[in-house]
Every structure is written in C-alpha cells, then in structure tokens.
PDB file of N, CA and C in Angstrom:
ATOM      1  N   MET A   1      -1.034  10.579 -13.500  1.00  0.00           N
ATOM      2  CA  MET A   1       0.005   9.844 -14.158  1.00  0.00           C
ATOM      3  C   MET A   1       0.762   9.039 -13.103  1.00  0.00           C
ATOM      4  N   TYR A   2       1.095   7.813 -13.461  1.00  0.00           N
ATOM      5  CA  TYR A   2       1.871   6.977 -12.554  1.00  0.00           C
ATOM      6  C   TYR A   2       3.346   7.334 -12.645  1.00  0.00           C
ATOM      7  N   VAL A   3       3.961   7.508 -11.483  1.00  0.00           N
ATOM      8  CA  VAL A   3       5.400   7.732 -11.417  1.00  0.00           C
ATOM      9  C   VAL A   3       6.089   6.384 -11.222  1.00  0.00           C
ATOM     10  N   CYS A   4       5.492   5.535 -10.434  1.00  0.00           N
ATOM     11  CA  CYS A   4       6.033   4.193 -10.171  1.00  0.00           C
ATOM     12  C   CYS A   4       4.978   3.159 -10.559  1.00  0.00           C
ATOM     13  N   ASN A   5       5.190   2.543 -11.692  1.00  0.00           N
ATOM     14  CA  ASN A   5       4.240   1.534 -12.158  1.00  0.00           C
ATOM     15  C   ASN A   5       4.276   0.275 -11.309  1.00  0.00           C
ATOM     16  N   CYS A   6       5.446  -0.094 -10.841  1.00  0.00           N
ATOM     17  CA  CYS A   6       5.586  -1.324 -10.047  1.00  0.00           C
ATOM     18  C   CYS A   6       4.738  -1.286  -8.773  1.00  0.00           C
ATOM     19  N   ASN A   7       4.688  -0.109  -8.146  1.00  0.00           N
ATOM     20  CA  ASN A   7       3.978   0.022  -6.876  1.00  0.00           C
ATOM     21  C   ASN A   7       2.696   0.846  -6.981  1.00  0.00           C
ATOM     22  N   GLY A   8       2.370   1.324  -8.162  1.00  0.00           N
ATOM     23  CA  GLY A   8       1.135   2.080  -8.354  1.00  0.00           C
ATOM     24  C   GLY A   8       1.139   3.436  -7.667  1.00  0.00           C
ATOM     25  N   ILE A   9       2.284   4.102  -7.631  1.00  0.00           N
ATOM     26  CA  ILE A   9       2.381   5.417  -6.993  1.00  0.00           C
ATOM     27  C   ILE A   9       2.202   6.487  -8.059  1.00  0.00           C
ATOM     28  N   ARG A  10       1.261   7.368  -7.825  1.00  0.00           N
ATOM     29  CA  ARG A  10       0.952   8.428  -8.776  1.00  0.00           C
ATOM     30  C   ARG A  10       1.721   9.705  -8.462  1.00  0.00           C
ATOM     31  N   GLU A  11       1.870  10.526  -9.476  1.00  0.00           N
ATOM     32  CA  GLU A  11       2.546  11.806  -9.314  1.00  0.00           C
ATOM     33  C   GLU A  11       1.852  12.650  -8.252  1.00  0.00           C
ATOM     34  N   ARG A  12       0.538  12.656  -8.242  1.00  0.00           N
ATOM     35  CA  ARG A  12      -0.199  13.458  -7.257  1.00  0.00           C
ATOM     36  C   ARG A  12       0.068  12.978  -5.831  1.00  0.00           C
ATOM     37  N   ASP A  13       0.318  11.666  -5.661  1.00  0.00           N
ATOM     38  CA  ASP A  13       0.662  11.134  -4.342  1.00  0.00           C
ATOM     39  C   ASP A  13       2.013  11.681  -3.889  1.00  0.00           C
ATOM     40  N   VAL A  14       2.965  11.723  -4.803  1.00  0.00           N
ATOM     41  CA  VAL A  14       4.304  12.229  -4.489  1.00  0.00           C
ATOM     42  C   VAL A  14       4.226  13.716  -4.156  1.00  0.00           C
ATOM     43  N   ARG A  15       3.448  14.468  -4.929  1.00  0.00           N
ATOM     44  CA  ARG A  15       3.290  15.901  -4.660  1.00  0.00           C
ATOM     45  C   ARG A  15       2.664  16.134  -3.279  1.00  0.00           C
ATOM     46  N   ALA A  16       1.660  15.355  -2.966  1.00  0.00           N
ATOM     47  CA  ALA A  16       0.988  15.497  -1.667  1.00  0.00           C
ATOM     48  C   ALA A  16       1.953  15.213  -0.518  1.00  0.00           C
ATOM     49  N   LEU A  17       2.783  14.205  -0.674  1.00  0.00           N
ATOM     50  CA  LEU A  17       3.757  13.886   0.368  1.00  0.00           C
ATOM     51  C   LEU A  17       4.800  14.990   0.498  1.00  0.00           C
ATOM     52  N   ALA A  18       5.212  15.576  -0.613  1.00  0.00           N
ATOM     53  CA  ALA A  18       6.167  16.685  -0.568  1.00  0.00           C
ATOM     54  C   ALA A  18       5.578  17.854   0.203  1.00  0.00           C
ATOM     55  N   GLN A  19       4.286  18.071   0.058  1.00  0.00           N
ATOM     56  CA  GLN A  19       3.627  19.173   0.759  1.00  0.00           C
ATOM     57  C   GLN A  19       3.527  18.927   2.259  1.00  0.00           C
ATOM     58  N   THR A  20       3.656  17.664   2.667  1.00  0.00           N
ATOM     59  CA  THR A  20       3.631  17.345   4.098  1.00  0.00           C
ATOM     60  C   THR A  20       5.025  17.276   4.691  1.00  0.00           C
ATOM     61  N   GLY A  21       6.037  17.609   3.881  1.00  0.00           N
ATOM     62  CA  GLY A  21       7.392  17.654   4.407  1.00  0.00           C
ATOM     63  C   GLY A  21       8.296  16.514   3.994  1.00  0.00           C
ATOM     64  N   LYS A  22       7.790  15.568   3.245  1.00  0.00           N
ATOM     65  CA  LYS A  22       8.639  14.473   2.767  1.00  0.00           C
ATOM     66  C   LYS A  22       9.567  15.010   1.697  1.00  0.00           C
ATOM     67  N   ARG A  23      10.846  14.679   1.786  1.00  0.00           N
ATOM     68  CA  ARG A  23      11.843  15.251   0.888  1.00  0.00           C
ATOM     69  C   ARG A  23      12.628  14.221   0.090  1.00  0.00           C
ATOM     70  N   HIS A  24      12.464  12.941   0.418  1.00  0.00           N
ATOM     71  CA  HIS A  24      13.281  11.905  -0.203  1.00  0.00           C
ATOM     72  C   HIS A  24      12.415  10.798  -0.796  1.00  0.00           C
ATOM     73  N   VAL A  25      12.943  10.177  -1.832  1.00  0.00           N
ATOM     74  CA  VAL A  25      12.234   9.072  -2.483  1.00  0.00           C
ATOM     75  C   VAL A  25      11.960   7.964  -1.474  1.00  0.00           C
ATOM     76  N   ALA A  26      12.908   7.710  -0.595  1.00  0.00           N
ATOM     77  CA  ALA A  26      12.716   6.671   0.428  1.00  0.00           C
ATOM     78  C   ALA A  26      11.497   6.979   1.300  1.00  0.00           C
ATOM     79  N   ASP A  27      11.242   8.269   1.559  1.00  0.00           N
ATOM     80  CA  ASP A  27      10.066   8.666   2.338  1.00  0.00           C
ATOM     81  C   ASP A  27       8.782   8.277   1.612  1.00  0.00           C
ATOM     82  N   VAL A  28       8.777   8.463   0.298  1.00  0.00           N
ATOM     83  CA  VAL A  28       7.591   8.133  -0.504  1.00  0.00           C
ATOM     84  C   VAL A  28       7.308   6.636  -0.421  1.00  0.00           C
ATOM     85  N   PHE A  29       8.337   5.836  -0.633  1.00  0.00           N
ATOM     86  CA  PHE A  29       8.148   4.381  -0.548  1.00  0.00           C
ATOM     87  C   PHE A  29       7.724   3.959   0.844  1.00  0.00           C
ATOM     88  N   ARG A  30       8.355   4.533   1.865  1.00  0.00           N
ATOM     89  CA  ARG A  30       8.013   4.192   3.243  1.00  0.00           C
ATOM     90  C   ARG A  30       6.546   4.498   3.536  1.00  0.00           C
ATOM     91  N   CYS A  31       6.086   5.655   3.081  1.00  0.00           N
ATOM     92  CA  CYS A  31       4.690   6.046   3.317  1.00  0.00           C
ATOM     93  C   CYS A  31       3.702   5.136   2.595  1.00  0.00           C
ATOM     94  N   HIS A  32       4.146   4.539   1.507  1.00  0.00           N
ATOM     95  CA  HIS A  32       3.286   3.616   0.759  1.00  0.00           C
ATOM     96  C   HIS A  32       3.502   2.161   1.163  1.00  0.00           C
ATOM     97  N   GLY A  33       4.405   1.935   2.096  1.00  0.00           N
ATOM     98  CA  GLY A  33       4.646   0.583   2.603  1.00  0.00           C
ATOM     99  C   GLY A  33       5.274  -0.334   1.567  1.00  0.00           C
ATOM    100  N   CYS A  34       6.156   0.220   0.743  1.00  0.00           N
ATOM    101  CA  CYS A  34       6.781  -0.587  -0.305  1.00  0.00           C
ATOM    102  C   CYS A  34       8.224  -0.151  -0.507  1.00  0.00           C
ATOM    103  N   THR A  35       8.885  -0.800  -1.449  1.00  0.00           N
ATOM    104  CA  THR A  35      10.257  -0.441  -1.806  1.00  0.00           C
ATOM    105  C   THR A  35      10.345  -0.352  -3.322  1.00  0.00           C
ATOM    106  N   ALA A  36      11.425   0.245  -3.797  1.00  0.00           N
ATOM    107  CA  ALA A  36      11.647   0.317  -5.244  1.00  0.00           C
ATOM    108  C   ALA A  36      11.868  -1.093  -5.766  1.00  0.00           C
ATOM    109  N   LYS A  37      11.286  -1.377  -6.899  1.00  0.00           N
ATOM    110  CA  LYS A  37      11.467  -2.702  -7.493  1.00  0.00           C
ATOM    111  C   LYS A  37      12.430  -2.606  -8.675  1.00  0.00           C
ATOM    112  N   CYS A  38      12.039  -2.000  -9.762  1.00  0.00           N
ATOM    113  CA  CYS A  38      12.924  -1.909 -10.935  1.00  0.00           C
ATOM    114  C   CYS A  38      13.822  -0.679 -10.873  1.00  0.00           C
ATOM    115  N   GLY A  39      13.409   0.361 -10.128  1.00  0.00           N
ATOM    116  CA  GLY A  39      14.224   1.549  -9.946  1.00  0.00           C
ATOM    117  C   GLY A  39      14.087   2.616 -11.019  1.00  0.00           C
ATOM    118  N   ARG A  40      13.313   2.360 -12.063  1.00  0.00           N
ATOM    119  CA  ARG A  40      13.172   3.356 -13.136  1.00  0.00           C
ATOM    120  C   ARG A  40      12.445   4.610 -12.687  1.00  0.00           C
ATOM    121  N   CYS A  41      11.708   4.533 -11.616  1.00  0.00           N
ATOM    122  CA  CYS A  41      10.908   5.663 -11.147  1.00  0.00           C
ATOM    123  C   CYS A  41      11.699   6.648 -10.298  1.00  0.00           C
ATOM    124  N   ILE A  42      12.832   6.255  -9.812  1.00  0.00           N
ATOM    125  CA  ILE A  42      13.540   7.051  -8.816  1.00  0.00           C
ATOM    126  C   ILE A  42      13.884   8.453  -9.325  1.00  0.00           C
ATOM    127  N   SER A  43      14.436   8.562 -10.515  1.00  0.00           N
ATOM    128  CA  SER A  43      14.795   9.899 -11.017  1.00  0.00           C
ATOM    129  C   SER A  43      13.558  10.755 -11.253  1.00  0.00           C
ATOM    130  N   ASP A  44      12.486  10.158 -11.758  1.00  0.00           N
ATOM    131  CA  ASP A  44      11.248  10.919 -11.964  1.00  0.00           C
ATOM    132  C   ASP A  44      10.662  11.377 -10.634  1.00  0.00           C
ATOM    133  N   MET A  45      10.699  10.489  -9.660  1.00  0.00           N
ATOM    134  CA  MET A  45      10.163  10.827  -8.349  1.00  0.00           C
ATOM    135  C   MET A  45      10.978  11.946  -7.698  1.00  0.00           C
ATOM    136  N   GLN A  46      12.300  11.892  -7.839  1.00  0.00           N
ATOM    137  CA  GLN A  46      13.160  12.948  -7.311  1.00  0.00           C
ATOM    138  C   GLN A  46      12.816  14.290  -7.957  1.00  0.00           C
ATOM    139  N   MET A  47      12.568  14.275  -9.252  1.00  0.00           N
ATOM    140  CA  MET A  47      12.236  15.501  -9.963  1.00  0.00           C
ATOM    141  C   MET A  47      10.892  16.062  -9.477  1.00  0.00           C
ATOM    142  N   VAL A  48       9.906  15.208  -9.287  1.00  0.00           N
ATOM    143  CA  VAL A  48       8.597  15.660  -8.796  1.00  0.00           C
ATOM    144  C   VAL A  48       8.751  16.261  -7.403  1.00  0.00           C
ATOM    145  N   LEU A  49       9.492  15.591  -6.532  1.00  0.00           N
ATOM    146  CA  LEU A  49       9.716  16.110  -5.178  1.00  0.00           C
ATOM    147  C   LEU A  49      10.411  17.470  -5.230  1.00  0.00           C
ATOM    148  N   LYS A  50      11.460  17.566  -6.018  1.00  0.00           N
ATOM    149  CA  LYS A  50      12.221  18.810  -6.128  1.00  0.00           C
ATOM    150  C   LYS A  50      11.347  19.952  -6.633  1.00  0.00           C
ATOM    151  N   ASN A  51      10.568  19.682  -7.678  1.00  0.00           N
ATOM    152  CA  ASN A  51       9.699  20.716  -8.243  1.00  0.00           C
ATOM    153  C   ASN A  51       8.617  21.151  -7.261  1.00  0.00           C
ATOM    154  N   GLU A  52       8.067  20.209  -6.529  1.00  0.00           N
ATOM    155  CA  GLU A  52       7.014  20.542  -5.577  1.00  0.00           C
ATOM    156  C   GLU A  52       7.577  21.341  -4.409  1.00  0.00           C
ATOM    157  N   ILE A  53       8.757  20.984  -3.956  1.00  0.00           N
ATOM    158  CA  ILE A  53       9.402  21.722  -2.866  1.00  0.00           C
ATOM    159  C   ILE A  53       9.697  23.148  -3.323  1.00  0.00           C
ATOM    160  N   LYS A  54      10.216  23.274  -4.536  1.00  0.00           N
ATOM    161  CA  LYS A  54      10.521  24.595  -5.086  1.00  0.00           C
ATOM    162  C   LYS A  54       9.249  25.434  -5.216  1.00  0.00           C
ATOM    163  N   SER A  55       8.177  24.831  -5.696  1.00  0.00           N
ATOM    164  CA  SER A  55       6.897  25.550  -5.830  1.00  0.00           C
ATOM    165  C   SER A  55       6.383  25.999  -4.482  1.00  0.00           C
ATOM    166  N   SER A  56       6.521  25.157  -3.485  1.00  0.00           N
ATOM    167  CA  SER A  56       6.059  25.503  -2.132  1.00  0.00           C
ATOM    168  C   SER A  56       6.851  26.672  -1.575  1.00  0.00           C
ATOM    169  N   GLN A  57       8.150  26.664  -1.818  1.00  0.00           N
ATOM    170  CA  GLN A  57       8.996  27.757  -1.336  1.00  0.00           C
ATOM    171  C   GLN A  57       8.662  29.066  -2.022  1.00  0.00           C
ATOM    172  N   LEU A  58       8.404  29.017  -3.329  1.00  0.00           N
ATOM    173  CA  LEU A  58       8.040  30.231  -4.055  1.00  0.00           C
ATOM    174  C   LEU A  58       6.706  30.775  -3.596  1.00  0.00           C
ATOM    175  N   ALA A  59       5.771  29.879  -3.317  1.00  0.00           N
ATOM    176  CA  ALA A  59       4.446  30.306  -2.864  1.00  0.00           C
ATOM    177  C   ALA A  59       4.508  30.952  -1.490  1.00  0.00           C
ATOM    178  N   ALA A  60       5.476  30.530  -0.687  1.00  0.00           N
ATOM    179  CA  ALA A  60       5.609  31.060   0.670  1.00  0.00           C
ATOM    180  C   ALA A  60       6.219  32.461   0.679  1.00  0.00           C
ATOM    181  N   GLU A  61       6.874  32.840  -0.397  1.00  0.00           N
ATOM    182  CA  GLU A  61       7.534  34.147  -0.427  1.00  0.00           C
ATOM    183  C   GLU A  61       6.572  35.283  -0.622  1.00  0.00           C
TER     184      GLU A  61
END
C-alpha cells in the first residue's frame, strides 16, 4: 500500500526504514531523496513509524 502517493513511498518502505533506526518522517523523505508535496501522508507515515518502533521494542523484550 502506498503511504505517499506523490512520491511513491510504500508502507513497507517506511517499515523497513524504521527497522534501520529511522524515527522521523523527515528521515523517510531524506532516504528517498524527496520532500513532502501535499502533506496528506505525514500523519499516516508517523503512525507507521510509531507502530513499527513499538513492534520492534516488544519483539526485543
């Protein structure tokens, strides 16, 4: 599923970046060499990052 239609960033891409230590939406855009265009993706991307970080922490316990 696409999280950012403007830049073609998929949810799985955001999850993968979270697993490598990226914690902020700006990190996701930076890694993809782009910036937010319309901004509608930001809240969804934050939620994906937060959930993936939380899952990683639970798995580590």
